[in-house]
């Protein structure tokens, strides 16, 4: 996506890591204020991987909680290991 203008603002998908971090920090700050500091409740996050007998990672998940809801953020299984009960 190239840069464009709307309402006098510049819009682009070419963000620096500093710009992305600033957006994430402001979003968390806003959400915490709007939820009375409970946005991260219960504050659980975890990652799990599946590895073959040689130790090669063949799948994994990334999970977090917000407002007492669990979010499966990332779920991946190598094509060769799909339909074998890992999911």
Protein backbone atom coordinates (compact mmCIF):
# COMPACT_ATOMS: atom_id res chain seq x y z
CA UNK A 1 0.00 0.00 0.00
CA UNK A 2 1.41 3.34 -0.92
CA UNK A 3 1.00 6.55 1.00
CA UNK A 4 -2.28 8.41 0.52
CA UNK A 5 -4.07 11.39 2.08
CA UNK A 6 -7.41 11.43 3.92
CA UNK A 7 -8.68 14.29 6.10
CA UNK A 8 -5.28 15.93 5.79
CA UNK A 9 -3.53 12.89 7.29
CA UNK A 10 -0.91 10.77 5.60
CA UNK A 11 -1.75 7.04 5.54
CA UNK A 12 0.86 4.37 4.84
CA UNK A 13 1.62 0.75 5.66
CA UNK A 14 5.38 1.40 5.72
CA UNK A 15 5.88 1.77 9.49
CA UNK A 16 9.11 1.83 11.40
CA UNK A 17 9.47 -0.38 14.47
CA UNK A 18 9.44 2.81 16.58
CA UNK A 19 6.12 3.93 15.07
CA UNK A 20 4.57 0.48 15.58
CA UNK A 21 5.74 0.38 19.21
CA UNK A 22 4.22 3.84 19.81
CA UNK A 23 0.85 2.71 18.40
CA UNK A 24 0.86 -0.47 20.50
CA UNK A 25 1.78 1.47 23.67
CA UNK A 26 -1.01 4.01 23.12
CA UNK A 27 -3.56 1.28 22.41
CA UNK A 28 -2.65 -0.60 25.60
CA UNK A 29 -2.78 2.63 27.62
CA UNK A 30 -6.23 3.45 26.19
CA UNK A 31 -7.58 -0.07 26.79
CA UNK A 32 -6.29 -0.15 30.36
CA UNK A 33 -7.92 3.23 31.08
CA UNK A 34 -11.23 2.16 29.52
CA UNK A 35 -11.35 -1.09 31.53
CA UNK A 36 -10.24 0.26 34.89
CA UNK A 37 -6.89 -1.51 34.57
CA UNK A 38 -8.49 -4.91 33.91
CA UNK A 39 -7.74 -5.18 30.19
CA UNK A 40 -5.04 -7.82 30.70
CA UNK A 41 -7.07 -9.92 33.19
CA UNK A 42 -6.16 -12.60 34.02
CA UNK A 43 -2.80 -11.84 32.40
CA UNK A 44 -2.06 -15.33 31.13
CA UNK A 45 0.06 -15.82 28.02
CA UNK A 46 1.80 -18.91 26.82
CA UNK A 47 3.48 -20.50 23.82
CA UNK A 48 3.52 -24.22 23.04
CA UNK A 49 5.45 -26.05 20.32
CA UNK A 50 5.29 -29.54 18.88
CA UNK A 51 8.57 -31.11 17.76
CA UNK A 52 9.32 -34.28 15.85
CA UNK A 53 11.61 -36.98 17.35
CA UNK A 54 14.65 -35.12 15.94
CA UNK A 55 13.66 -31.95 17.82
CA UNK A 56 12.55 -30.06 14.71
CA UNK A 57 9.60 -27.76 15.44
CA UNK A 58 6.57 -28.90 13.40
CA UNK A 59 3.87 -26.74 15.00
CA UNK A 60 3.07 -24.22 17.64
CA UNK A 61 0.62 -21.83 19.22
CA UNK A 62 0.73 -18.44 20.91
CA UNK A 63 -2.08 -17.68 23.36
CA UNK A 64 -2.94 -14.65 25.50
CA UNK A 65 -5.85 -13.41 27.58
CA UNK A 66 -7.62 -10.08 27.54
CA UNK A 67 -10.77 -9.19 29.51
CA UNK A 68 -11.04 -12.80 30.73
CA UNK A 69 -11.17 -14.09 27.15
CA UNK A 70 -8.52 -16.42 25.72
CA UNK A 71 -7.13 -15.49 22.30
CA UNK A 72 -5.36 -17.98 20.08
CA UNK A 73 -3.13 -15.51 18.27
CA UNK A 74 -0.90 -17.84 16.28
CA UNK A 75 -1.54 -21.44 15.27
CA UNK A 76 0.73 -23.26 12.82
CA UNK A 77 1.35 -26.90 11.89
CA UNK A 78 3.83 -27.99 9.21
CA UNK A 79 2.00 -29.31 6.14
CA UNK A 80 3.54 -32.78 6.56
CA UNK A 81 2.06 -33.07 10.08
CA UNK A 82 -1.47 -31.82 9.37
CA UNK A 83 -4.38 -34.25 9.77
CA UNK A 84 -2.40 -36.22 12.39
CA UNK A 85 -4.08 -34.88 15.55
CA UNK A 86 -1.64 -32.08 16.43
CA UNK A 87 -4.29 -29.38 16.05
